[in-house]
Amino acid sequence: MRFPPLRVYSLANYCNMRFHSSSRRHHSSAFLAKQLGFDGCHRWLLHMDREVSIFSVIAGWALSALVCVALLADAGINLFAPQMLATDMAASGFPPELATKLGLIILVCVVLYAIPATAALGAVMITGFLGGAISIHFRLGEIFSPPQLICLMLGVLAWGGLYLRDARIRNIIPIRL
C-alpha cells in the first residue's frame, strides 16, 4: 500500500480519505485500521486523530521563540563581536577567525527552525550544532558544565516547542501522558 505525501498526517486520516471517497458510510479510524489488518495499532491511531488545544500551539511557539532568541543572540555575538569570543575559542582549539562562520551556521539553523515548512530540518540542524558544542566541552573535560547544560536545555526546548506546535512531529512521536 502506498501512502500519499506529507499532506496526510496519519494512517487513520489516510484510511478515512480513502474509504470516504468510495463510500458514504462513516467509519472510525479504529474500524478502518482493523479492516486494513492493523489490529495492534488501532488505539494508537485513535490517539493520532485527536485535536490539539490552542494552548499547546501557543506554548510551542513560545518555546520555539525562546530558542530562537537565545541562538540569535549567540549568532549576533559571533557575527558582530567575534573579538569577545577569541580567548574562549582559542581555549577550545578553534581559530578565532571561525567565529563568523559559526555565526552564519547558527543563523541558518535558526531561520530554518523559525519557518514552519522547514522547522523539522532546522531542529535537526540545531540539535547537531548543540551536540557538537556539548562534545567540545566534554573533550575539554568540562563535564556537566553550565555551557553543556544550556546546550542540552536548548535542544530539549527546540524539540519540545516543535512537538507542541507541529502536528507532523506529534504523529511521528506520539507521547502519551
N, C-alpha and C. Protein backbone atom coordinates (compact mmCIF):
# COMPACT_ATOMS: atom_id res chain seq x y z
N MET A 1 0.85 -1.15 0.00
CA MET A 1 0.00 0.00 0.00
C MET A 1 0.90 1.23 0.00
N ARG A 2 0.67 2.17 -0.87
CA ARG A 2 1.46 3.40 -0.93
C ARG A 2 0.70 4.50 -0.22
N PHE A 3 1.44 5.27 0.58
CA PHE A 3 0.84 6.37 1.30
C PHE A 3 1.11 7.68 0.55
N PRO A 4 0.19 8.61 0.61
CA PRO A 4 0.39 9.89 -0.05
C PRO A 4 1.48 10.70 0.67
N PRO A 5 1.91 11.82 0.09
CA PRO A 5 2.96 12.62 0.74
C PRO A 5 2.50 13.23 2.06
N LEU A 6 3.29 14.10 2.64
CA LEU A 6 3.09 14.60 3.99
C LEU A 6 1.81 15.40 4.22
N ARG A 7 0.99 15.62 3.21
CA ARG A 7 -0.27 16.32 3.44
C ARG A 7 -1.16 15.55 4.38
N VAL A 8 -1.08 14.23 4.34
CA VAL A 8 -1.88 13.38 5.22
C VAL A 8 -1.02 13.05 6.41
N TYR A 9 -1.53 13.36 7.62
CA TYR A 9 -0.69 13.30 8.80
C TYR A 9 -0.71 11.96 9.51
N SER A 10 -1.63 11.09 9.21
CA SER A 10 -1.65 9.80 9.89
C SER A 10 -2.31 8.76 9.01
N LEU A 11 -2.07 7.52 9.35
CA LEU A 11 -2.70 6.42 8.63
C LEU A 11 -4.21 6.48 8.78
N ALA A 12 -4.67 6.91 9.95
CA ALA A 12 -6.12 7.00 10.17
C ALA A 12 -6.75 8.01 9.22
N ASN A 13 -6.11 9.16 9.05
CA ASN A 13 -6.63 10.14 8.11
C ASN A 13 -6.61 9.60 6.69
N TYR A 14 -5.57 8.87 6.34
CA TYR A 14 -5.47 8.27 5.01
C TYR A 14 -6.61 7.27 4.80
N CYS A 15 -6.87 6.46 5.82
CA CYS A 15 -7.95 5.47 5.72
C CYS A 15 -9.29 6.18 5.56
N ASN A 16 -9.52 7.22 6.34
CA ASN A 16 -10.78 7.95 6.23
C ASN A 16 -10.94 8.56 4.85
N MET A 17 -9.90 9.15 4.31
CA MET A 17 -9.97 9.74 2.97
C MET A 17 -10.26 8.67 1.93
N ARG A 18 -9.59 7.55 2.05
CA ARG A 18 -9.71 6.50 1.05
C ARG A 18 -11.11 5.89 1.05
N PHE A 19 -11.62 5.59 2.26
CA PHE A 19 -12.92 4.94 2.32
C PHE A 19 -14.08 5.92 2.17
N HIS A 20 -13.91 7.14 2.59
CA HIS A 20 -15.00 8.11 2.45
C HIS A 20 -15.18 8.53 1.01
N SER A 21 -14.13 8.47 0.23
CA SER A 21 -14.29 8.87 -1.16
C SER A 21 -15.03 7.79 -1.96
N SER A 22 -14.94 6.52 -1.52
CA SER A 22 -15.60 5.46 -2.28
C SER A 22 -16.97 5.11 -1.71
N SER A 23 -17.19 5.38 -0.45
CA SER A 23 -18.50 5.07 0.14
C SER A 23 -18.92 6.22 1.03
N ARG A 24 -20.19 6.31 1.29
CA ARG A 24 -20.72 7.40 2.09
C ARG A 24 -20.88 7.01 3.56
N ARG A 25 -20.55 5.78 3.91
CA ARG A 25 -20.69 5.36 5.29
C ARG A 25 -19.52 5.90 6.10
N HIS A 26 -19.79 6.30 7.35
CA HIS A 26 -18.73 6.81 8.21
C HIS A 26 -18.19 5.66 9.04
N HIS A 27 -16.88 5.52 9.03
CA HIS A 27 -16.22 4.52 9.85
C HIS A 27 -15.18 5.20 10.72
N SER A 28 -15.01 4.68 11.91
CA SER A 28 -13.98 5.25 12.78
C SER A 28 -12.61 4.81 12.31
N SER A 29 -11.59 5.48 12.79
CA SER A 29 -10.23 5.14 12.43
C SER A 29 -9.87 3.74 12.91
N ALA A 30 -10.37 3.38 14.10
CA ALA A 30 -10.08 2.05 14.63
C ALA A 30 -10.69 0.96 13.75
N PHE A 31 -11.94 1.18 13.29
CA PHE A 31 -12.58 0.20 12.42
C PHE A 31 -11.82 0.06 11.11
N LEU A 32 -11.41 1.18 10.55
CA LEU A 32 -10.67 1.13 9.29
C LEU A 32 -9.31 0.48 9.45
N ALA A 33 -8.65 0.73 10.58
CA ALA A 33 -7.36 0.10 10.82
C ALA A 33 -7.52 -1.41 10.93
N LYS A 34 -8.58 -1.87 11.58
CA LYS A 34 -8.82 -3.31 11.68
C LYS A 34 -9.11 -3.90 10.31
N GLN A 35 -9.88 -3.19 9.49
CA GLN A 35 -10.19 -3.67 8.15
C GLN A 35 -8.94 -3.80 7.28
N LEU A 36 -7.98 -2.93 7.50
CA LEU A 36 -6.75 -2.98 6.72
C LEU A 36 -5.72 -3.94 7.29
N GLY A 37 -6.03 -4.55 8.46
CA GLY A 37 -5.11 -5.52 9.03
C GLY A 37 -4.16 -4.96 10.06
N PHE A 38 -4.41 -3.76 10.53
CA PHE A 38 -3.56 -3.17 11.56
C PHE A 38 -4.23 -3.36 12.92
N ASP A 39 -4.35 -4.62 13.37
CA ASP A 39 -5.09 -4.91 14.59
C ASP A 39 -4.46 -4.31 15.83
N GLY A 40 -3.13 -4.33 15.93
CA GLY A 40 -2.47 -3.91 17.16
C GLY A 40 -2.38 -2.42 17.34
N CYS A 41 -2.59 -1.66 16.30
CA CYS A 41 -2.32 -0.22 16.43
C CYS A 41 -3.56 0.65 16.33
N HIS A 42 -4.75 0.08 16.42
CA HIS A 42 -5.92 0.93 16.24
C HIS A 42 -6.09 1.92 17.39
N ARG A 43 -5.69 1.58 18.61
CA ARG A 43 -5.78 2.55 19.71
C ARG A 43 -4.78 3.67 19.51
N TRP A 44 -3.61 3.34 18.99
CA TRP A 44 -2.60 4.35 18.70
C TRP A 44 -3.10 5.30 17.62
N LEU A 45 -3.82 4.77 16.63
CA LEU A 45 -4.35 5.61 15.57
C LEU A 45 -5.42 6.56 16.09
N LEU A 46 -6.21 6.10 17.07
CA LEU A 46 -7.20 6.99 17.65
C LEU A 46 -6.51 8.15 18.36
N HIS A 47 -5.39 7.88 19.02
CA HIS A 47 -4.64 8.94 19.69
C HIS A 47 -4.13 9.97 18.68
N MET A 48 -3.76 9.52 17.50
CA MET A 48 -3.20 10.42 16.50
C MET A 48 -4.24 11.36 15.90
N ASP A 49 -5.50 11.00 15.98
CA ASP A 49 -6.53 11.81 15.35
C ASP A 49 -7.05 12.93 16.24
N ARG A 50 -6.66 12.96 17.50
CA ARG A 50 -7.25 13.94 18.40
C ARG A 50 -6.78 15.35 18.06
N GLU A 51 -7.60 16.30 18.40
CA GLU A 51 -7.28 17.70 18.13
C GLU A 51 -6.34 18.22 19.20
N VAL A 52 -5.59 19.23 18.85
CA VAL A 52 -4.63 19.83 19.76
C VAL A 52 -5.19 21.17 20.23
N SER A 53 -4.99 21.46 21.51
CA SER A 53 -5.52 22.72 22.03
C SER A 53 -4.68 23.89 21.55
N ILE A 54 -5.30 25.04 21.50
CA ILE A 54 -4.60 26.25 21.08
C ILE A 54 -3.52 26.61 22.09
N PHE A 55 -3.73 26.22 23.35
CA PHE A 55 -2.72 26.49 24.38
C PHE A 55 -1.42 25.78 24.07
N SER A 56 -1.48 24.53 23.62
CA SER A 56 -0.24 23.81 23.32
C SER A 56 0.47 24.40 22.11
N VAL A 57 -0.29 24.87 21.14
CA VAL A 57 0.33 25.50 19.97
C VAL A 57 1.01 26.81 20.37
N ILE A 58 0.34 27.61 21.20
CA ILE A 58 0.94 28.87 21.66
C ILE A 58 2.16 28.58 22.53
N ALA A 59 2.07 27.58 23.39
CA ALA A 59 3.23 27.23 24.22
C ALA A 59 4.38 26.74 23.35
N GLY A 60 4.08 25.99 22.29
CA GLY A 60 5.12 25.54 21.37
C GLY A 60 5.81 26.69 20.67
N TRP A 61 5.03 27.67 20.23
CA TRP A 61 5.63 28.84 19.59
C TRP A 61 6.43 29.66 20.58
N ALA A 62 5.99 29.72 21.84
CA ALA A 62 6.74 30.46 22.87
C ALA A 62 8.08 29.78 23.15
N LEU A 63 8.07 28.45 23.29
CA LEU A 63 9.33 27.72 23.49
C LEU A 63 10.25 27.89 22.28
N SER A 64 9.68 27.81 21.09
CA SER A 64 10.48 27.99 19.88
C SER A 64 11.06 29.40 19.81
N ALA A 65 10.28 30.39 20.21
CA ALA A 65 10.78 31.77 20.20
C ALA A 65 11.92 31.94 21.20
N LEU A 66 11.81 31.28 22.35
CA LEU A 66 12.88 31.35 23.34
C LEU A 66 14.18 30.76 22.79
N VAL A 67 14.08 29.63 22.11
CA VAL A 67 15.25 29.01 21.49
C VAL A 67 15.82 29.92 20.41
N CYS A 68 14.95 30.48 19.59
CA CYS A 68 15.41 31.37 18.50
C CYS A 68 16.10 32.60 19.05
N VAL A 69 15.57 33.20 20.11
CA VAL A 69 16.19 34.39 20.69
C VAL A 69 17.56 34.05 21.25
N ALA A 70 17.68 32.94 21.97
CA ALA A 70 18.97 32.56 22.54
C ALA A 70 20.00 32.30 21.44
N LEU A 71 19.59 31.58 20.40
CA LEU A 71 20.54 31.28 19.33
C LEU A 71 20.85 32.50 18.47
N LEU A 72 19.88 33.40 18.29
CA LEU A 72 20.16 34.63 17.56
C LEU A 72 21.13 35.53 18.33
N ALA A 73 21.03 35.55 19.66
CA ALA A 73 21.99 36.30 20.46
C ALA A 73 23.39 35.71 20.29
N ASP A 74 23.49 34.39 20.29
CA ASP A 74 24.78 33.75 20.08
C ASP A 74 25.32 34.04 18.68
N ALA A 75 24.45 33.97 17.68
CA ALA A 75 24.88 34.27 16.31
C ALA A 75 25.30 35.73 16.18
N GLY A 76 24.58 36.63 16.85
CA GLY A 76 24.93 38.05 16.80
C GLY A 76 26.32 38.32 17.38
N ILE A 77 26.64 37.67 18.49
CA ILE A 77 27.97 37.85 19.07
C ILE A 77 29.03 37.27 18.15
N ASN A 78 28.75 36.12 17.56
CA ASN A 78 29.72 35.51 16.64
C ASN A 78 29.93 36.37 15.39
N LEU A 79 28.88 36.98 14.90
CA LEU A 79 28.98 37.75 13.66
C LEU A 79 29.51 39.16 13.88
N PHE A 80 29.06 39.83 14.93
CA PHE A 80 29.35 41.25 15.07
C PHE A 80 30.40 41.59 16.13
N ALA A 81 30.70 40.66 17.02
CA ALA A 81 31.72 40.92 18.04
C ALA A 81 32.57 39.66 18.27
N PRO A 82 33.20 39.15 17.23
CA PRO A 82 33.97 37.91 17.40
C PRO A 82 35.18 38.07 18.32
N GLN A 83 35.66 39.30 18.54
CA GLN A 83 36.80 39.51 19.42
C GLN A 83 36.44 39.15 20.87
N MET A 84 35.16 39.21 21.23
CA MET A 84 34.73 38.83 22.58
C MET A 84 34.92 37.33 22.81
N LEU A 85 34.89 36.54 21.75
CA LEU A 85 34.99 35.08 21.87
C LEU A 85 36.38 34.55 21.58
N ALA A 86 37.34 35.42 21.28
CA ALA A 86 38.65 34.97 20.82
C ALA A 86 39.35 34.10 21.85
N THR A 87 39.33 34.48 23.11
CA THR A 87 40.03 33.67 24.13
C THR A 87 39.34 32.34 24.36
N ASP A 88 37.99 32.33 24.39
CA ASP A 88 37.27 31.07 24.59
C ASP A 88 37.45 30.14 23.40
N MET A 89 37.46 30.67 22.21
CA MET A 89 37.63 29.82 21.03
C MET A 89 39.05 29.27 20.96
N ALA A 90 40.03 30.08 21.32
CA ALA A 90 41.41 29.60 21.33
C ALA A 90 41.59 28.51 22.39
N ALA A 91 40.91 28.67 23.54
CA ALA A 91 41.00 27.66 24.60
C ALA A 91 40.36 26.34 24.18
N SER A 92 39.35 26.41 23.34
CA SER A 92 38.69 25.18 22.89
C SER A 92 39.33 24.57 21.65
N GLY A 93 40.34 25.24 21.10
CA GLY A 93 41.05 24.68 19.96
C GLY A 93 40.59 25.18 18.61
N PHE A 94 39.72 26.16 18.59
CA PHE A 94 39.24 26.74 17.34
C PHE A 94 39.98 28.05 17.06
N PRO A 95 40.35 28.28 15.81
CA PRO A 95 40.90 29.60 15.49
C PRO A 95 39.81 30.66 15.60
N PRO A 96 40.13 31.81 16.14
CA PRO A 96 39.11 32.86 16.32
C PRO A 96 38.49 33.34 15.01
N GLU A 97 39.15 33.08 13.89
CA GLU A 97 38.58 33.51 12.60
C GLU A 97 37.32 32.73 12.22
N LEU A 98 37.11 31.60 12.87
CA LEU A 98 35.93 30.79 12.55
C LEU A 98 34.65 31.30 13.22
N ALA A 99 34.75 32.31 14.05
CA ALA A 99 33.57 32.82 14.76
C ALA A 99 32.50 33.29 13.78
N THR A 100 32.91 33.97 12.71
CA THR A 100 31.94 34.47 11.74
C THR A 100 31.24 33.31 11.03
N LYS A 101 31.99 32.28 10.69
CA LYS A 101 31.38 31.12 10.02
C LYS A 101 30.43 30.39 10.96
N LEU A 102 30.81 30.26 12.24
CA LEU A 102 29.90 29.64 13.20
C LEU A 102 28.63 30.47 13.37
N GLY A 103 28.78 31.79 13.37
CA GLY A 103 27.61 32.66 13.46
C GLY A 103 26.67 32.49 12.28
N LEU A 104 27.22 32.33 11.09
CA LEU A 104 26.38 32.09 9.90
C LEU A 104 25.67 30.74 9.99
N ILE A 105 26.37 29.73 10.49
CA ILE A 105 25.75 28.40 10.64
C ILE A 105 24.58 28.49 11.62
N ILE A 106 24.80 29.16 12.74
CA ILE A 106 23.72 29.31 13.73
C ILE A 106 22.55 30.08 13.12
N LEU A 107 22.85 31.12 12.38
CA LEU A 107 21.79 31.93 11.75
C LEU A 107 20.97 31.10 10.78
N VAL A 108 21.62 30.28 9.97
CA VAL A 108 20.89 29.42 9.03
C VAL A 108 20.01 28.42 9.79
N CYS A 109 20.54 27.84 10.86
CA CYS A 109 19.76 26.90 11.66
C CYS A 109 18.51 27.57 12.23
N VAL A 110 18.66 28.77 12.76
CA VAL A 110 17.53 29.48 13.36
C VAL A 110 16.48 29.85 12.31
N VAL A 111 16.94 30.32 11.16
CA VAL A 111 15.98 30.69 10.10
C VAL A 111 15.20 29.45 9.65
N LEU A 112 15.90 28.33 9.46
CA LEU A 112 15.19 27.11 9.06
C LEU A 112 14.22 26.64 10.14
N TYR A 113 14.59 26.80 11.39
CA TYR A 113 13.72 26.38 12.50
C TYR A 113 12.50 27.29 12.63
N ALA A 114 12.65 28.56 12.33
CA ALA A 114 11.55 29.50 12.50
C ALA A 114 10.49 29.39 11.41
N ILE A 115 10.86 28.90 10.23
CA ILE A 115 9.91 28.74 9.14
C ILE A 115 9.16 27.42 9.33
N PRO A 116 7.84 27.43 9.43
CA PRO A 116 7.11 26.19 9.71
C PRO A 116 7.36 25.06 8.71
N ALA A 117 7.53 25.38 7.44
CA ALA A 117 7.72 24.32 6.44
C ALA A 117 9.07 23.62 6.59
N THR A 118 10.07 24.28 7.15
CA THR A 118 11.40 23.68 7.29
C THR A 118 11.80 23.54 8.76
N ALA A 119 10.84 23.60 9.67
CA ALA A 119 11.15 23.58 11.09
C ALA A 119 11.80 22.27 11.53
N ALA A 120 11.39 21.15 10.96
CA ALA A 120 11.98 19.87 11.35
C ALA A 120 13.45 19.82 10.93
N LEU A 121 13.77 20.28 9.73
CA LEU A 121 15.16 20.33 9.29
C LEU A 121 15.96 21.28 10.18
N GLY A 122 15.39 22.41 10.53
CA GLY A 122 16.06 23.35 11.42
C GLY A 122 16.31 22.75 12.79
N ALA A 123 15.34 21.99 13.32
CA ALA A 123 15.52 21.34 14.62
C ALA A 123 16.63 20.30 14.58
N VAL A 124 16.70 19.55 13.48
CA VAL A 124 17.77 18.57 13.33
C VAL A 124 19.12 19.28 13.27
N MET A 125 19.20 20.38 12.53
CA MET A 125 20.46 21.11 12.42
C MET A 125 20.84 21.77 13.75
N ILE A 126 19.88 22.31 14.48
CA ILE A 126 20.15 22.87 15.81
C ILE A 126 20.65 21.78 16.74
N THR A 127 20.02 20.61 16.69
CA THR A 127 20.44 19.50 17.53
C THR A 127 21.87 19.09 17.22
N GLY A 128 22.22 19.04 15.94
CA GLY A 128 23.59 18.71 15.56
C GLY A 128 24.58 19.76 16.03
N PHE A 129 24.24 21.03 15.88
CA PHE A 129 25.12 22.10 16.32
C PHE A 129 25.32 22.05 17.83
N LEU A 130 24.22 21.91 18.57
CA LEU A 130 24.33 21.87 20.02
C LEU A 130 25.05 20.61 20.50
N GLY A 131 24.83 19.50 19.80
CA GLY A 131 25.56 18.28 20.14
C GLY A 131 27.05 18.44 19.95
N GLY A 132 27.45 19.15 18.89
CA GLY A 132 28.87 19.43 18.69
C GLY A 132 29.43 20.30 19.80
N ALA A 133 28.66 21.29 20.24
CA ALA A 133 29.10 22.15 21.34
C ALA A 133 29.26 21.35 22.63
N ILE A 134 28.32 20.44 22.88
CA ILE A 134 28.41 19.60 24.08
C ILE A 134 29.64 18.71 24.00
N SER A 135 29.90 18.14 22.83
CA SER A 135 31.06 17.24 22.72
C SER A 135 32.38 17.99 22.86
N ILE A 136 32.45 19.23 22.41
CA ILE A 136 33.68 20.02 22.58
C ILE A 136 33.93 20.28 24.06
N HIS A 137 32.90 20.63 24.80
CA HIS A 137 33.07 20.84 26.24
C HIS A 137 33.42 19.53 26.94
N PHE A 138 32.87 18.44 26.47
CA PHE A 138 33.19 17.13 27.04
C PHE A 138 34.66 16.79 26.78
N ARG A 139 35.14 17.11 25.58
CA ARG A 139 36.54 16.85 25.23
C ARG A 139 37.49 17.67 26.08
N LEU A 140 37.07 18.86 26.47
CA LEU A 140 37.89 19.73 27.30
C LEU A 140 37.84 19.34 28.77
N GLY A 141 37.05 18.34 29.11
CA GLY A 141 36.94 17.90 30.50
C GLY A 141 35.90 18.65 31.30
N GLU A 142 35.07 19.42 30.65
CA GLU A 142 34.02 20.19 31.33
C GLU A 142 32.73 19.38 31.33
N ILE A 143 32.69 18.37 32.17
CA ILE A 143 31.52 17.50 32.21
C ILE A 143 30.46 18.14 33.11
N PHE A 144 29.26 18.24 32.61
CA PHE A 144 28.11 18.87 33.27
C PHE A 144 28.40 20.33 33.63
N SER A 145 29.12 21.00 32.76
CA SER A 145 29.39 22.43 32.97
C SER A 145 28.17 23.24 32.54
N PRO A 146 28.06 24.48 32.97
CA PRO A 146 26.90 25.30 32.56
C PRO A 146 26.72 25.40 31.04
N PRO A 147 27.79 25.56 30.23
CA PRO A 147 27.54 25.60 28.79
C PRO A 147 26.95 24.30 28.25
N GLN A 148 27.38 23.17 28.79
CA GLN A 148 26.80 21.90 28.35
C GLN A 148 25.34 21.81 28.73
N LEU A 149 25.01 22.19 29.94
CA LEU A 149 23.61 22.13 30.38
C LEU A 149 22.73 23.09 29.60
N ILE A 150 23.27 24.26 29.27
CA ILE A 150 22.50 25.22 28.46
C ILE A 150 22.24 24.65 27.07
N CYS A 151 23.27 24.04 26.47
CA CYS A 151 23.09 23.42 25.14
C CYS A 151 22.07 22.30 25.20
N LEU A 152 22.13 21.49 26.25
CA LEU A 152 21.17 20.40 26.41
C LEU A 152 19.75 20.95 26.56
N MET A 153 19.59 21.98 27.38
CA MET A 153 18.26 22.56 27.57
C MET A 153 17.74 23.22 26.29
N LEU A 154 18.62 23.87 25.55
CA LEU A 154 18.17 24.48 24.28
C LEU A 154 17.71 23.40 23.30
N GLY A 155 18.41 22.27 23.26
CA GLY A 155 17.99 21.17 22.39
C GLY A 155 16.64 20.60 22.80
N VAL A 156 16.46 20.42 24.10
CA VAL A 156 15.17 19.90 24.60
C VAL A 156 14.05 20.90 24.32
N LEU A 157 14.33 22.17 24.55
CA LEU A 157 13.31 23.21 24.28
C LEU A 157 12.99 23.31 22.79
N ALA A 158 14.01 23.14 21.94
CA ALA A 158 13.77 23.21 20.50
C ALA A 158 12.83 22.10 20.06
N TRP A 159 13.11 20.87 20.50
CA TRP A 159 12.24 19.76 20.09
C TRP A 159 10.89 19.80 20.82
N GLY A 160 10.88 20.25 22.07
CA GLY A 160 9.61 20.38 22.78
C GLY A 160 8.70 21.42 22.13
N GLY A 161 9.29 22.55 21.75
CA GLY A 161 8.50 23.58 21.07
C GLY A 161 7.97 23.11 19.74
N LEU A 162 8.82 22.39 19.00
CA LEU A 162 8.38 21.86 17.70
C LEU A 162 7.30 20.80 17.89
N TYR A 163 7.44 19.98 18.91
CA TYR A 163 6.43 18.95 19.19
C TYR A 163 5.08 19.58 19.49
N LEU A 164 5.08 20.63 20.27
CA LEU A 164 3.81 21.26 20.64
C LEU A 164 3.16 22.03 19.51
N ARG A 165 3.96 22.56 18.58
CA ARG A 165 3.37 23.41 17.54
C ARG A 165 3.17 22.72 16.21
N ASP A 166 3.71 21.52 16.02
CA ASP A 166 3.64 20.86 14.71
C ASP A 166 2.99 19.48 14.83
N ALA A 167 1.87 19.31 14.15
CA ALA A 167 1.12 18.05 14.21
C ALA A 167 1.90 16.89 13.59
N ARG A 168 2.74 17.18 12.61
CA ARG A 168 3.52 16.10 11.98
C ARG A 168 4.47 15.46 12.96
N ILE A 169 5.09 16.26 13.80
CA ILE A 169 6.01 15.73 14.79
C ILE A 169 5.26 14.93 15.84
N ARG A 170 4.08 15.42 16.24
CA ARG A 170 3.27 14.66 17.21
C ARG A 170 2.81 13.34 16.64
N ASN A 171 2.60 13.25 15.34
CA ASN A 171 2.20 11.99 14.74
C ASN A 171 3.37 11.02 14.62
N ILE A 172 4.57 11.54 14.45
CA ILE A 172 5.75 10.67 14.37
C ILE A 172 6.11 10.15 15.75
N ILE A 173 6.03 11.02 16.76
CA ILE A 173 6.41 10.67 18.13
C ILE A 173 5.18 10.84 19.02
N PRO A 174 4.32 9.85 19.11
CA PRO A 174 3.11 10.02 19.93
C PRO A 174 3.40 9.79 21.41
N ILE A 175 3.55 10.87 22.16
CA ILE A 175 3.81 10.79 23.59
C ILE A 175 2.49 10.86 24.31
N ARG A 176 2.26 9.88 25.19
CA ARG A 176 1.02 9.87 25.97
C ARG A 176 1.36 10.15 27.41
N LEU A 177 0.67 11.11 28.00
CA LEU A 177 0.90 11.45 29.39
C LEU A 177 -0.25 11.02 30.26
